[in-house]
Amino acid sequence: MNIYCAGAEAYINQIDRIREGFVSLGHQITNIEDADMIYCNDPSSYDLDFKKKNSKAKIIYNVLDLPPHCIDGNQYDISRYTYIDNPYGRNYDPLDLKEKLKGCDLVTCICEEVQWQLLNWCGLESRVIYNPIKDVSYLNLQDKDKIKNQRGQNYKYLYVGRANDPNKRFHIVAETIMKLRDPVDSLAIVGSEDPRWGDYYGVVNDEVLNLFYNSVEYFFFPSAFKSVGLPALESIVTKTKTIVCKDDPTSEELWSGIAVSSSPDKIASSINNPEWNETCKNFVEKYSDEYKEKFSKTSVAKNIIKEYNTL
């Protein structure tokens, strides 16, 4: 089948991995005019004129998330019940999104939480297809092969993501480490934003990222509104003890067995608690192989094709 794929083009985005998944299944990536299927992975690529450009192709629009926005520096409460009347503040209009999605044959989204939001805020039916994670795996590294700080010591903690986005709540990471009285350089940070706290490495490729996951004891993912936190899934795949918060709307969907309070005091208590550590260790070991397969680019591409075949 000929497939046209569109989406934000950057290392942190998923469209390249989805293309690779289609190719791995024997499909061809092509232009709009020759496509049997047009797949758009995020709102930046939605085009109401696709039908004019190719009237025969089936169009699938994917919705990544419907997050609250920071308006005038104030962070919205992420509780799903807090902002039903006006979930996006003045920066986002659900009716505008609904208008854009009229041009497709099928709406997909990347988790059950976003599916709920689309139905309740926009009146739109959708089907859940998770986005693919990066190419990471459990390495069982020897100590000498782990990434170390400038003092030659192992990193204890890792954070991956946009550290300066208030909705990501990086402050929880810093406050927790300070309460544990661990040094600032016990934390490695990978991502596009430098919080100026901890050791910042910027954006790295999949191979180096995999080394980071496998070099640390704990991975922090304190975000409260993300639809699905791919870094948390990658951490679980690498069998790294993963700190996710109960007030993350997707906590019940993917990691209810290990989610903790978002209070830095309580996170610190969990890290110091042998029972929680054992529970978390068992959880990541149980789901590592399953999540690696479930969230792989090939599995995601198969699921998209499966939905296409229903049209």
Protein backbone atom coordinates (compact mmCIF):
# COMPACT_ATOMS: atom_id res chain seq x y z
CA MET A 1 0.00 0.00 0.00
CA ASN A 2 1.10 3.56 -0.70
CA ILE A 3 1.06 5.78 2.38
CA TYR A 4 1.57 9.51 2.82
CA CYS A 5 2.69 10.43 6.37
CA ALA A 6 2.72 13.90 7.87
CA GLY A 7 3.61 15.33 11.25
CA ALA A 8 6.03 17.54 13.11
CA GLU A 9 9.52 16.71 11.83
CA ALA A 10 11.94 16.52 14.73
CA TYR A 11 13.88 13.90 16.65
CA ILE A 12 11.50 14.18 19.60
CA ASN A 13 8.45 13.55 17.39
CA GLN A 14 7.09 10.18 16.34
CA ILE A 15 6.33 10.50 12.63
CA ASP A 16 9.71 9.20 11.44
CA ARG A 17 9.39 6.09 13.59
CA ILE A 18 5.85 5.51 12.29
CA ARG A 19 7.12 5.78 8.71
CA GLU A 20 9.82 3.22 9.53
CA GLY A 21 7.13 0.95 10.95
CA PHE A 22 5.10 1.11 7.73
CA VAL A 23 8.19 0.35 5.65
CA SER A 24 9.07 -2.62 7.89
CA LEU A 25 5.67 -4.08 6.97
CA GLY A 26 6.37 -3.72 3.25
CA HIS A 27 4.39 -0.55 2.55
CA GLN A 28 5.62 2.36 0.45
CA ILE A 29 5.95 5.97 1.62
CA THR A 30 4.73 8.21 -1.17
CA ASN A 31 3.34 11.65 -2.01
CA ILE A 32 -0.24 12.77 -1.37
CA GLU A 33 -1.45 12.27 -4.93
CA ASP A 34 -0.42 8.61 -5.12
CA ALA A 35 -1.41 7.59 -1.59
CA ASP A 36 -3.99 4.98 -0.64
CA MET A 37 -3.84 6.22 2.95
CA ILE A 38 -2.99 9.64 4.37
CA TYR A 39 -1.84 9.50 7.97
CA CYS A 40 -1.33 12.70 10.01
CA ASN A 41 0.20 12.27 13.44
CA ASP A 42 -0.47 15.69 14.98
CA PRO A 43 -2.50 18.89 14.41
CA SER A 44 0.39 20.65 12.65
CA SER A 45 -0.22 18.36 9.66
CA TYR A 46 -4.03 18.42 9.42
CA ASP A 47 -5.14 19.83 6.05
CA LEU A 48 -8.78 20.35 5.10
CA ASP A 49 -7.73 20.27 1.44
CA PHE A 50 -6.42 16.68 1.46
CA LYS A 51 -9.66 15.42 -0.11
CA LYS A 52 -9.22 17.91 -2.96
CA LYS A 53 -5.67 16.68 -3.52
CA ASN A 54 -6.61 12.99 -3.39
CA SER A 55 -10.29 12.08 -3.29
CA LYS A 56 -9.68 8.33 -3.21
CA ALA A 57 -7.33 8.10 -0.24
CA LYS A 58 -8.60 7.29 3.26
CA ILE A 59 -7.45 9.89 5.79
CA ILE A 60 -6.54 9.18 9.41
CA TYR A 61 -5.89 12.05 11.81
CA ASN A 62 -4.17 11.22 15.09
CA VAL A 63 -4.61 13.36 18.21
CA LEU A 64 -1.61 13.40 20.55
CA ASP A 65 -3.10 15.20 23.52
CA LEU A 66 -5.51 17.90 24.62
CA PRO A 67 -3.40 19.54 27.32
CA PRO A 68 -4.20 22.49 29.51
CA HIS A 69 -2.07 25.47 28.50
CA CYS A 70 -0.12 27.83 30.69
CA ILE A 71 -1.79 31.22 30.42
CA ASP A 72 0.04 34.27 31.75
CA GLY A 73 2.41 31.98 33.64
CA ASN A 74 -0.36 30.24 35.58
CA GLN A 75 -0.64 26.48 35.46
CA TYR A 76 -4.11 25.00 35.10
CA ASP A 77 -5.28 22.24 37.39
CA ILE A 78 -4.92 19.07 35.34
CA SER A 79 -7.89 17.30 36.93
CA ARG A 80 -10.12 16.11 34.10
CA TYR A 81 -13.13 17.59 35.89
CA THR A 82 -11.68 21.05 36.41
CA TYR A 83 -11.76 22.49 32.93
CA ILE A 84 -14.51 20.76 30.97
CA ASP A 85 -16.23 24.10 30.34
CA ASN A 86 -13.06 25.69 28.96
CA PRO A 87 -10.29 23.11 28.98
CA TYR A 88 -7.75 25.09 26.99
CA GLY A 89 -8.07 28.61 28.28
CA ARG A 90 -8.10 31.21 25.52
CA ASN A 91 -5.29 29.54 23.55
CA TYR A 92 -7.25 26.54 22.32
CA ASP A 93 -10.78 25.93 21.12
CA PRO A 94 -12.14 22.35 20.99
CA LEU A 95 -14.58 23.44 18.28
CA ASP A 96 -11.64 24.49 16.11
CA LEU A 97 -10.11 21.05 16.52
CA LYS A 98 -13.45 19.45 15.70
CA GLU A 99 -13.64 21.51 12.50
CA LYS A 100 -10.15 20.39 11.47
CA LEU A 101 -11.00 16.75 12.08
CA LYS A 102 -14.02 16.90 9.76
CA GLY A 103 -11.70 16.31 6.82
CA CYS A 104 -10.69 12.79 7.84
CA ASP A 105 -12.24 9.32 7.65
CA LEU A 106 -11.02 8.19 11.07
CA VAL A 107 -9.80 9.89 14.25
CA THR A 108 -7.27 8.06 16.38
CA CYS A 109 -5.63 9.09 19.63
CA ILE A 110 -2.78 7.81 21.75
CA CYS A 111 -4.45 6.78 25.01
CA GLU A 112 -7.77 6.23 26.75
CA GLU A 113 -7.53 9.59 28.54
CA VAL A 114 -7.37 11.51 25.25
CA GLN A 115 -10.16 9.33 23.90
CA TRP A 116 -12.28 10.43 26.89
CA GLN A 117 -11.35 14.07 26.29
CA LEU A 118 -12.21 13.94 22.60
CA LEU A 119 -15.62 12.46 23.35
CA ASN A 120 -16.51 14.73 26.26
CA TRP A 121 -14.95 18.01 25.10
CA CYS A 122 -15.32 17.73 21.34
CA GLY A 123 -18.08 15.16 20.87
CA LEU A 124 -15.75 13.04 18.72
CA GLU A 125 -15.45 9.26 18.60
CA SER A 126 -11.89 7.95 18.26
CA ARG A 127 -9.84 4.78 18.47
CA VAL A 128 -6.77 4.34 20.64
CA ILE A 129 -3.43 3.60 18.97
CA TYR A 130 -0.39 4.24 21.11
CA ASN A 131 2.57 6.10 19.64
CA PRO A 132 5.90 4.27 19.30
CA ILE A 133 8.75 4.52 21.76
CA LYS A 134 12.38 4.96 20.77
CA ASP A 135 14.66 1.98 20.13
CA VAL A 136 15.66 1.16 23.69
CA SER A 137 16.11 -2.11 25.56
CA TYR A 138 17.46 -3.62 28.75
CA LEU A 139 21.26 -3.94 28.54
CA ASN A 140 22.30 -5.34 31.96
CA LEU A 141 25.35 -3.04 31.91
CA GLN A 142 28.47 -3.62 33.95
CA ASP A 143 29.34 -0.70 36.22
CA LYS A 144 32.31 0.28 34.06
CA ASP A 145 30.05 0.73 31.02
CA LYS A 146 27.60 3.13 32.67
CA ILE A 147 27.56 6.87 31.97
CA LYS A 148 29.11 8.73 34.91
CA ASN A 149 29.25 12.31 36.11
CA GLN A 150 32.39 14.45 36.09
CA ARG A 151 33.38 13.08 39.49
CA GLY A 152 33.42 9.59 38.00
CA GLN A 153 30.37 8.50 39.98
CA ASN A 154 27.30 6.74 38.65
CA TYR A 155 24.21 8.82 38.03
CA LYS A 156 21.45 7.76 40.38
CA TYR A 157 18.60 9.60 38.65
CA LEU A 158 17.53 10.46 35.10
CA TYR A 159 15.03 12.95 33.69
CA VAL A 160 14.07 12.98 29.99
CA GLY A 161 11.88 15.68 28.48
CA ARG A 162 11.19 19.41 28.32
CA ALA A 163 12.38 20.47 31.76
CA ASN A 164 11.21 24.10 31.53
CA ASP A 165 7.58 23.32 30.65
CA PRO A 166 5.66 23.96 33.92
CA ASN A 167 3.28 21.12 33.13
CA LYS A 168 6.21 18.69 33.24
CA ARG A 169 6.82 19.70 36.89
CA PHE A 170 10.58 19.35 36.89
CA HIS A 171 10.59 21.16 40.25
CA ILE A 172 9.31 17.91 41.80
CA VAL A 173 12.49 16.18 40.64
CA ALA A 174 14.80 18.82 42.12
CA GLU A 175 12.87 19.09 45.40
CA THR A 176 12.81 15.31 45.85
CA ILE A 177 16.56 14.97 45.31
CA MET A 178 17.23 17.81 47.75
CA LYS A 179 15.02 16.15 50.38
CA LEU A 180 17.01 12.95 49.90
CA ARG A 181 20.19 15.01 50.40
CA ASP A 182 21.68 13.57 47.23
CA PRO A 183 24.09 15.80 45.26
CA VAL A 184 22.85 17.84 42.31
CA ASP A 185 25.11 15.89 39.96
CA SER A 186 23.41 12.61 40.87
CA LEU A 187 20.83 13.64 38.24
CA ALA A 188 21.34 13.46 34.46
CA ILE A 189 18.95 15.41 32.21
CA VAL A 190 18.28 14.66 28.55
CA GLY A 191 16.02 16.82 26.40
CA SER A 192 15.60 20.07 24.53
CA GLU A 193 15.52 22.37 27.59
CA ASP A 194 18.15 23.04 30.26
CA PRO A 195 16.65 23.62 33.74
CA ARG A 196 20.06 24.69 35.06
CA TRP A 197 19.87 22.08 37.80
CA GLY A 198 21.61 18.73 37.49
CA ASP A 199 23.87 17.63 34.63
CA TYR A 200 22.31 18.61 31.30
CA TYR A 201 23.17 16.69 28.11
CA GLY A 202 20.73 18.13 25.57
CA VAL A 203 19.11 15.96 22.92
CA VAL A 204 20.88 12.64 22.30
CA ASN A 205 20.38 9.81 19.81
CA ASP A 206 18.62 6.54 20.66
CA GLU A 207 21.84 4.66 21.40
CA VAL A 208 23.06 7.21 23.94
CA LEU A 209 19.59 7.59 25.43
CA ASN A 210 19.47 3.83 25.92
CA LEU A 211 22.77 4.01 27.80
CA PHE A 212 21.36 6.70 30.08
CA TYR A 213 18.28 4.65 30.93
CA ASN A 214 20.44 1.62 31.66
CA SER A 215 22.99 3.60 33.72
CA VAL A 216 20.69 4.92 36.46
CA GLU A 217 18.68 3.47 39.31
CA TYR A 218 15.63 5.75 39.10
CA PHE A 219 13.84 7.57 36.30
CA PHE A 220 11.63 10.58 37.07
CA PHE A 221 8.45 11.28 35.13
CA PRO A 222 6.44 13.75 37.25
CA SER A 223 4.34 15.21 34.41
CA ALA A 224 0.69 15.62 35.30
CA PHE A 225 -1.16 16.15 32.05
CA LYS A 226 0.66 14.16 29.38
CA SER A 227 -1.50 11.82 27.42
CA VAL A 228 1.10 9.05 27.43
CA GLY A 229 4.61 9.67 28.64
CA LEU A 230 6.78 7.80 26.15
CA PRO A 231 9.94 8.33 28.26
CA ALA A 232 8.26 6.54 31.18
CA LEU A 233 7.44 3.60 28.90
CA GLU A 234 11.04 3.57 27.62
CA SER A 235 12.27 3.54 31.21
CA ILE A 236 10.06 0.54 32.02
CA VAL A 237 11.36 -1.28 28.93
CA THR A 238 14.94 -0.79 30.19
CA LYS A 239 13.90 -2.14 33.64
CA THR A 240 14.73 1.13 35.36
CA LYS A 241 12.72 1.91 38.49
CA THR A 242 10.26 4.51 37.24
CA ILE A 243 8.75 7.30 39.34
CA VAL A 244 5.35 8.36 37.97
CA CYS A 245 2.65 10.29 39.81
CA LYS A 246 -0.87 9.24 40.71
CA ASP A 247 -2.31 12.54 39.47
CA ASP A 248 -1.10 11.77 35.94
CA PRO A 249 -4.39 11.07 34.12
CA THR A 250 -2.88 7.98 32.47
CA SER A 251 -1.48 6.44 35.66
CA GLU A 252 -4.32 3.93 35.94
CA GLU A 253 -3.98 3.01 32.29
CA LEU A 254 -0.34 2.02 32.18
CA TRP A 255 1.44 2.14 35.55
CA SER A 256 -1.08 2.03 38.38
CA GLY A 257 1.01 -0.55 40.20
CA ILE A 258 3.89 1.84 40.86
CA ALA A 259 2.44 5.39 40.77
CA VAL A 260 3.17 7.53 43.83
CA SER A 261 1.99 10.84 45.23
CA SER A 262 3.33 13.98 43.51
CA SER A 263 4.54 15.29 46.88
CA PRO A 264 8.37 15.44 46.94
CA ASP A 265 8.25 14.30 50.58
CA LYS A 266 6.25 11.21 49.68
CA ILE A 267 8.34 10.45 46.60
CA ALA A 268 11.46 10.63 48.76
CA SER A 269 9.81 8.27 51.25
CA SER A 270 9.00 5.83 48.43
CA ILE A 271 12.60 5.88 47.20
CA ASN A 272 13.75 5.10 50.75
CA ASN A 273 11.12 2.37 51.17
CA PRO A 274 12.42 -1.16 50.40
CA GLU A 275 8.85 -2.42 49.84
CA TRP A 276 8.12 0.19 47.13
CA ASN A 277 11.50 -0.48 45.51
CA GLU A 278 10.74 -4.19 45.34
CA THR A 279 7.26 -3.54 43.93
CA CYS A 280 8.69 -1.19 41.30
CA LYS A 281 11.47 -3.61 40.39
CA ASN A 282 8.97 -6.44 39.94
CA PHE A 283 6.70 -4.20 37.85
CA VAL A 284 9.36 -3.13 35.34
CA GLU A 285 10.69 -6.66 35.05
CA LYS A 286 7.17 -7.96 34.40
CA TYR A 287 6.27 -5.41 31.73
CA SER A 288 9.65 -4.76 30.06
CA ASP A 289 9.28 -7.24 27.19
CA GLU A 290 5.53 -6.65 26.81
CA TYR A 291 5.90 -2.88 26.51
CA LYS A 292 8.87 -3.16 24.16
CA GLU A 293 6.70 -5.13 21.73
CA LYS A 294 3.42 -3.29 22.34
CA PHE A 295 4.91 0.17 21.79
CA SER A 296 7.36 -0.69 19.00
CA LYS A 297 7.14 1.17 15.70
CA THR A 298 6.19 -2.04 13.89
CA SER A 299 3.33 -2.81 16.29
CA VAL A 300 2.04 0.75 16.05
CA ALA A 301 2.13 0.62 12.24
CA LYS A 302 0.25 -2.71 12.30
CA ASN A 303 -2.46 -1.17 14.47
CA ILE A 304 -2.86 1.80 12.11
CA ILE A 305 -3.15 -0.52 9.12
CA LYS A 306 -5.69 -2.64 11.01
CA GLU A 307 -7.88 0.43 11.57
CA TYR A 308 -7.42 1.50 7.94
CA ASN A 309 -8.74 -1.87 6.82
CA THR A 310 -12.00 -1.25 8.69
CA LEU A 311 -12.77 1.85 6.59
